[in-house]
Amino acid sequence: MWRIRDPGVPNLAVALAEGVTGQPANDYQELEFLITVPLQWDISPERAAQLLAAAGG
């Protein structure tokens, strides 16, 4: 399951800032995944299901 925080990053705001500047932390990558899947579901439910299956969800 997904972690809420990456232990190497003090808070989610820092994780997001690092992700936006091209130094993505785990929190940013997980948030990006959590946003991508629902958006993809609207476009192509089959592709979203493949993303979830690949992530183990």
PDB file of N, CA and C in Angstrom:
ATOM      1  N   MET A   1       0.836  -1.184   0.000  1.00  0.00           N
ATOM      2  CA  MET A   1       0.000   0.000   0.000  1.00  0.00           C
ATOM      3  C   MET A   1       0.879   1.246   0.000  1.00  0.00           C
ATOM      4  N   TRP A   2       0.296   2.371  -0.329  1.00  0.00           N
ATOM      5  CA  TRP A   2       1.058   3.615  -0.428  1.00  0.00           C
ATOM      6  C   TRP A   2       1.360   4.198   0.931  1.00  0.00           C
ATOM      7  N   ARG A   3       2.564   4.765   1.030  1.00  0.00           N
ATOM      8  CA  ARG A   3       2.941   5.481   2.247  1.00  0.00           C
ATOM      9  C   ARG A   3       2.474   6.918   2.119  1.00  0.00           C
ATOM     10  N   ILE A   4       2.192   7.530   3.254  1.00  0.00           N
ATOM     11  CA  ILE A   4       1.812   8.938   3.256  1.00  0.00           C
ATOM     12  C   ILE A   4       3.034   9.818   3.088  1.00  0.00           C
ATOM     13  N   ARG A   5       4.149   9.454   3.723  1.00  0.00           N
ATOM     14  CA  ARG A   5       5.337  10.315   3.697  1.00  0.00           C
ATOM     15  C   ARG A   5       6.591   9.524   3.402  1.00  0.00           C
ATOM     16  N   ASP A   6       7.460  10.147   2.651  1.00  0.00           N
ATOM     17  CA  ASP A   6       8.794   9.615   2.406  1.00  0.00           C
ATOM     18  C   ASP A   6       9.637  10.027   3.602  1.00  0.00           C
ATOM     19  N   PRO A   7      10.295   9.101   4.288  1.00  0.00           N
ATOM     20  CA  PRO A   7      11.049   9.471   5.488  1.00  0.00           C
ATOM     21  C   PRO A   7      12.193  10.455   5.226  1.00  0.00           C
ATOM     22  N   GLY A   8      12.656  10.564   3.979  1.00  0.00           N
ATOM     23  CA  GLY A   8      13.739  11.480   3.674  1.00  0.00           C
ATOM     24  C   GLY A   8      13.282  12.885   3.342  1.00  0.00           C
ATOM     25  N   VAL A   9      11.968  13.126   3.372  1.00  0.00           N
ATOM     26  CA  VAL A   9      11.410  14.437   3.028  1.00  0.00           C
ATOM     27  C   VAL A   9      10.600  14.938   4.227  1.00  0.00           C
ATOM     28  N   PRO A  10      10.863  16.166   4.679  1.00  0.00           N
ATOM     29  CA  PRO A  10      10.217  16.639   5.904  1.00  0.00           C
ATOM     30  C   PRO A  10       8.694  16.768   5.830  1.00  0.00           C
ATOM     31  N   ASN A  11       8.145  17.140   4.676  1.00  0.00           N
ATOM     32  CA  ASN A  11       6.689  17.246   4.577  1.00  0.00           C
ATOM     33  C   ASN A  11       6.255  17.170   3.113  1.00  0.00           C
ATOM     34  N   LEU A  12       4.950  17.062   2.897  1.00  0.00           N
ATOM     35  CA  LEU A  12       4.421  16.895   1.547  1.00  0.00           C
ATOM     36  C   LEU A  12       4.702  18.119   0.681  1.00  0.00           C
ATOM     37  N   ALA A  13       4.697  19.308   1.258  1.00  0.00           N
ATOM     38  CA  ALA A  13       4.990  20.516   0.479  1.00  0.00           C
ATOM     39  C   ALA A  13       6.396  20.452  -0.113  1.00  0.00           C
ATOM     40  N   VAL A  14       7.353  19.991   0.658  1.00  0.00           N
ATOM     41  CA  VAL A  14       8.726  19.851   0.156  1.00  0.00           C
ATOM     42  C   VAL A  14       8.766  18.785  -0.935  1.00  0.00           C
ATOM     43  N   ALA A  15       8.064  17.687  -0.737  1.00  0.00           N
ATOM     44  CA  ALA A  15       8.030  16.622  -1.740  1.00  0.00           C
ATOM     45  C   ALA A  15       7.448  17.133  -3.055  1.00  0.00           C
ATOM     46  N   LEU A  16       6.382  17.926  -2.968  1.00  0.00           N
ATOM     47  CA  LEU A  16       5.778  18.480  -4.177  1.00  0.00           C
ATOM     48  C   LEU A  16       6.724  19.456  -4.864  1.00  0.00           C
ATOM     49  N   ALA A  17       7.379  20.305  -4.083  1.00  0.00           N
ATOM     50  CA  ALA A  17       8.326  21.265  -4.652  1.00  0.00           C
ATOM     51  C   ALA A  17       9.471  20.534  -5.345  1.00  0.00           C
ATOM     52  N   GLU A  18       9.971  19.483  -4.737  1.00  0.00           N
ATOM     53  CA  GLU A  18      11.052  18.713  -5.351  1.00  0.00           C
ATOM     54  C   GLU A  18      10.575  18.072  -6.653  1.00  0.00           C
ATOM     55  N   GLY A  19       9.345  17.569  -6.653  1.00  0.00           N
ATOM     56  CA  GLY A  19       8.807  16.948  -7.859  1.00  0.00           C
ATOM     57  C   GLY A  19       8.645  17.940  -8.995  1.00  0.00           C
ATOM     58  N   VAL A  20       8.180  19.125  -8.671  1.00  0.00           N
ATOM     59  CA  VAL A  20       7.970  20.157  -9.687  1.00  0.00           C
ATOM     60  C   VAL A  20       9.299  20.635 -10.260  1.00  0.00           C
ATOM     61  N   THR A  21      10.347  20.621  -9.457  1.00  0.00           N
ATOM     62  CA  THR A  21      11.654  21.088  -9.923  1.00  0.00           C
ATOM     63  C   THR A  21      12.497  19.970 -10.525  1.00  0.00           C
ATOM     64  N   GLY A  22      11.897  18.802 -10.730  1.00  0.00           N
ATOM     65  CA  GLY A  22      12.607  17.727 -11.397  1.00  0.00           C
ATOM     66  C   GLY A  22      13.400  16.809 -10.482  1.00  0.00           C
ATOM     67  N   GLN A  23      13.157  16.871  -9.190  1.00  0.00           N
ATOM     68  CA  GLN A  23      13.818  15.996  -8.229  1.00  0.00           C
ATOM     69  C   GLN A  23      12.744  15.236  -7.448  1.00  0.00           C
ATOM     70  N   PRO A  24      11.954  14.405  -8.139  1.00  0.00           N
ATOM     71  CA  PRO A  24      10.790  13.811  -7.488  1.00  0.00           C
ATOM     72  C   PRO A  24      11.119  12.874  -6.329  1.00  0.00           C
ATOM     73  N   ALA A  25      10.448  13.090  -5.233  1.00  0.00           N
ATOM     74  CA  ALA A  25      10.511  12.201  -4.082  1.00  0.00           C
ATOM     75  C   ALA A  25       9.384  11.176  -4.231  1.00  0.00           C
ATOM     76  N   ASN A  26       9.393  10.166  -3.408  1.00  0.00           N
ATOM     77  CA  ASN A  26       8.344   9.143  -3.471  1.00  0.00           C
ATOM     78  C   ASN A  26       6.959   9.739  -3.308  1.00  0.00           C
ATOM     79  N   ASP A  27       6.801  10.713  -2.395  1.00  0.00           N
ATOM     80  CA  ASP A  27       5.487  11.320  -2.184  1.00  0.00           C
ATOM     81  C   ASP A  27       4.950  11.950  -3.458  1.00  0.00           C
ATOM     82  N   TYR A  28       5.815  12.660  -4.171  1.00  0.00           N
ATOM     83  CA  TYR A  28       5.395  13.318  -5.407  1.00  0.00           C
ATOM     84  C   TYR A  28       5.012  12.277  -6.455  1.00  0.00           C
ATOM     85  N   GLN A  29       5.796  11.243  -6.587  1.00  0.00           N
ATOM     86  CA  GLN A  29       5.505  10.209  -7.573  1.00  0.00           C
ATOM     87  C   GLN A  29       4.206   9.489  -7.255  1.00  0.00           C
ATOM     88  N   GLU A  30       3.948   9.242  -5.977  1.00  0.00           N
ATOM     89  CA  GLU A  30       2.706   8.583  -5.588  1.00  0.00           C
ATOM     90  C   GLU A  30       1.506   9.495  -5.822  1.00  0.00           C
ATOM     91  N   LEU A  31       1.662  10.773  -5.516  1.00  0.00           N
ATOM     92  CA  LEU A  31       0.573  11.720  -5.759  1.00  0.00           C
ATOM     93  C   LEU A  31       0.296  11.820  -7.258  1.00  0.00           C
ATOM     94  N   GLU A  32       1.345  11.869  -8.049  1.00  0.00           N
ATOM     95  CA  GLU A  32       1.183  11.927  -9.500  1.00  0.00           C
ATOM     96  C   GLU A  32       0.425  10.700  -9.995  1.00  0.00           C
ATOM     97  N   PHE A  33       0.755   9.520  -9.456  1.00  0.00           N
ATOM     98  CA  PHE A  33       0.054   8.293  -9.828  1.00  0.00           C
ATOM     99  C   PHE A  33      -1.421   8.369  -9.423  1.00  0.00           C
ATOM    100  N   LEU A  34      -1.682   8.857  -8.217  1.00  0.00           N
ATOM    101  CA  LEU A  34      -3.058   8.938  -7.730  1.00  0.00           C
ATOM    102  C   LEU A  34      -3.896   9.930  -8.526  1.00  0.00           C
ATOM    103  N   ILE A  35      -3.265  10.905  -9.131  1.00  0.00           N
ATOM    104  CA  ILE A  35      -3.978  11.862  -9.992  1.00  0.00           C
ATOM    105  C   ILE A  35      -4.126  11.283 -11.401  1.00  0.00           C
ATOM    106  N   THR A  36      -3.094  10.607 -11.884  1.00  0.00           N
ATOM    107  CA  THR A  36      -3.092  10.086 -13.250  1.00  0.00           C
ATOM    108  C   THR A  36      -4.146   9.016 -13.466  1.00  0.00           C
ATOM    109  N   VAL A  37      -4.290   8.094 -12.537  1.00  0.00           N
ATOM    110  CA  VAL A  37      -5.222   6.983 -12.726  1.00  0.00           C
ATOM    111  C   VAL A  37      -6.666   7.464 -12.900  1.00  0.00           C
ATOM    112  N   PRO A  38      -7.190   8.344 -12.024  1.00  0.00           N
ATOM    113  CA  PRO A  38      -8.570   8.804 -12.251  1.00  0.00           C
ATOM    114  C   PRO A  38      -8.728   9.584 -13.564  1.00  0.00           C
ATOM    115  N   LEU A  39      -7.745  10.386 -13.922  1.00  0.00           N
ATOM    116  CA  LEU A  39      -7.832  11.098 -15.198  1.00  0.00           C
ATOM    117  C   LEU A  39      -7.815  10.118 -16.358  1.00  0.00           C
ATOM    118  N   GLN A  40      -6.954   9.130 -16.268  1.00  0.00           N
ATOM    119  CA  GLN A  40      -6.881   8.118 -17.320  1.00  0.00           C
ATOM    120  C   GLN A  40      -8.174   7.324 -17.385  1.00  0.00           C
ATOM    121  N   TRP A  41      -8.809   7.104 -16.249  1.00  0.00           N
ATOM    122  CA  TRP A  41     -10.063   6.337 -16.209  1.00  0.00           C
ATOM    123  C   TRP A  41     -11.134   7.031 -17.041  1.00  0.00           C
ATOM    124  N   ASP A  42     -11.156   8.362 -17.011  1.00  0.00           N
ATOM    125  CA  ASP A  42     -12.123   9.108 -17.816  1.00  0.00           C
ATOM    126  C   ASP A  42     -11.838   8.966 -19.308  1.00  0.00           C
ATOM    127  N   ILE A  43     -10.561   8.875 -19.667  1.00  0.00           N
ATOM    128  CA  ILE A  43     -10.167   8.799 -21.070  1.00  0.00           C
ATOM    129  C   ILE A  43     -10.253   7.366 -21.584  1.00  0.00           C
ATOM    130  N   SER A  44      -9.697   6.442 -20.818  1.00  0.00           N
ATOM    131  CA  SER A  44      -9.645   5.038 -21.244  1.00  0.00           C
ATOM    132  C   SER A  44      -9.654   4.136 -20.017  1.00  0.00           C
ATOM    133  N   PRO A  45     -10.823   3.652 -19.632  1.00  0.00           N
ATOM    134  CA  PRO A  45     -10.895   2.780 -18.454  1.00  0.00           C
ATOM    135  C   PRO A  45     -10.005   1.538 -18.578  1.00  0.00           C
ATOM    136  N   GLU A  46      -9.847   1.020 -19.793  1.00  0.00           N
ATOM    137  CA  GLU A  46      -9.000  -0.161 -19.971  1.00  0.00           C
ATOM    138  C   GLU A  46      -7.545   0.153 -19.616  1.00  0.00           C
ATOM    139  N   ARG A  47      -7.059   1.311 -20.051  1.00  0.00           N
ATOM    140  CA  ARG A  47      -5.678   1.706 -19.755  1.00  0.00           C
ATOM    141  C   ARG A  47      -5.512   1.961 -18.254  1.00  0.00           C
ATOM    142  N   ALA A  48      -6.499   2.579 -17.631  1.00  0.00           N
ATOM    143  CA  ALA A  48      -6.431   2.822 -16.190  1.00  0.00           C
ATOM    144  C   ALA A  48      -6.371   1.498 -15.434  1.00  0.00           C
ATOM    145  N   ALA A  49      -7.144   0.523 -15.879  1.00  0.00           N
ATOM    146  CA  ALA A  49      -7.109  -0.798 -15.240  1.00  0.00           C
ATOM    147  C   ALA A  49      -5.727  -1.435 -15.394  1.00  0.00           C
ATOM    148  N   GLN A  50      -5.080  -1.221 -16.545  1.00  0.00           N
ATOM    149  CA  GLN A  50      -3.731  -1.739 -16.750  1.00  0.00           C
ATOM    150  C   GLN A  50      -2.738  -1.052 -15.808  1.00  0.00           C
ATOM    151  N   LEU A  51      -2.876   0.265 -15.619  1.00  0.00           N
ATOM    152  CA  LEU A  51      -2.008   0.984 -14.686  1.00  0.00           C
ATOM    153  C   LEU A  51      -2.158   0.457 -13.277  1.00  0.00           C
ATOM    154  N   LEU A  52      -3.407   0.251 -12.863  1.00  0.00           N
ATOM    155  CA  LEU A  52      -3.656  -0.280 -11.518  1.00  0.00           C
ATOM    156  C   LEU A  52      -3.088  -1.685 -11.363  1.00  0.00           C
ATOM    157  N   ALA A  53      -3.281  -2.520 -12.367  1.00  0.00           N
ATOM    158  CA  ALA A  53      -2.760  -3.887 -12.293  1.00  0.00           C
ATOM    159  C   ALA A  53      -1.236  -3.880 -12.230  1.00  0.00           C
ATOM    160  N   ALA A  54      -0.598  -2.999 -12.987  1.00  0.00           N
ATOM    161  CA  ALA A  54       0.854  -2.923 -12.976  1.00  0.00           C
ATOM    162  C   ALA A  54       1.383  -2.430 -11.631  1.00  0.00           C
ATOM    163  N   ALA A  55       0.573  -1.620 -10.944  1.00  0.00           N
ATOM    164  CA  ALA A  55       0.982  -1.097  -9.636  1.00  0.00           C
ATOM    165  C   ALA A  55       0.639  -2.057  -8.500  1.00  0.00           C
ATOM    166  N   GLY A  56      -0.020  -3.132  -8.823  1.00  0.00           N
ATOM    167  CA  GLY A  56      -0.382  -4.101  -7.796  1.00  0.00           C
ATOM    168  C   GLY A  56      -1.683  -3.759  -7.094  1.00  0.00           C
ATOM    169  N   GLY A  57      -2.470  -2.862  -7.653  1.00  0.00           N
ATOM    170  CA  GLY A  57      -3.728  -2.445  -7.024  1.00  0.00           C
ATOM    171  C   GLY A  57      -4.834  -3.065  -7.667  1.00  0.00           C
TER     172      GLY A  57
END
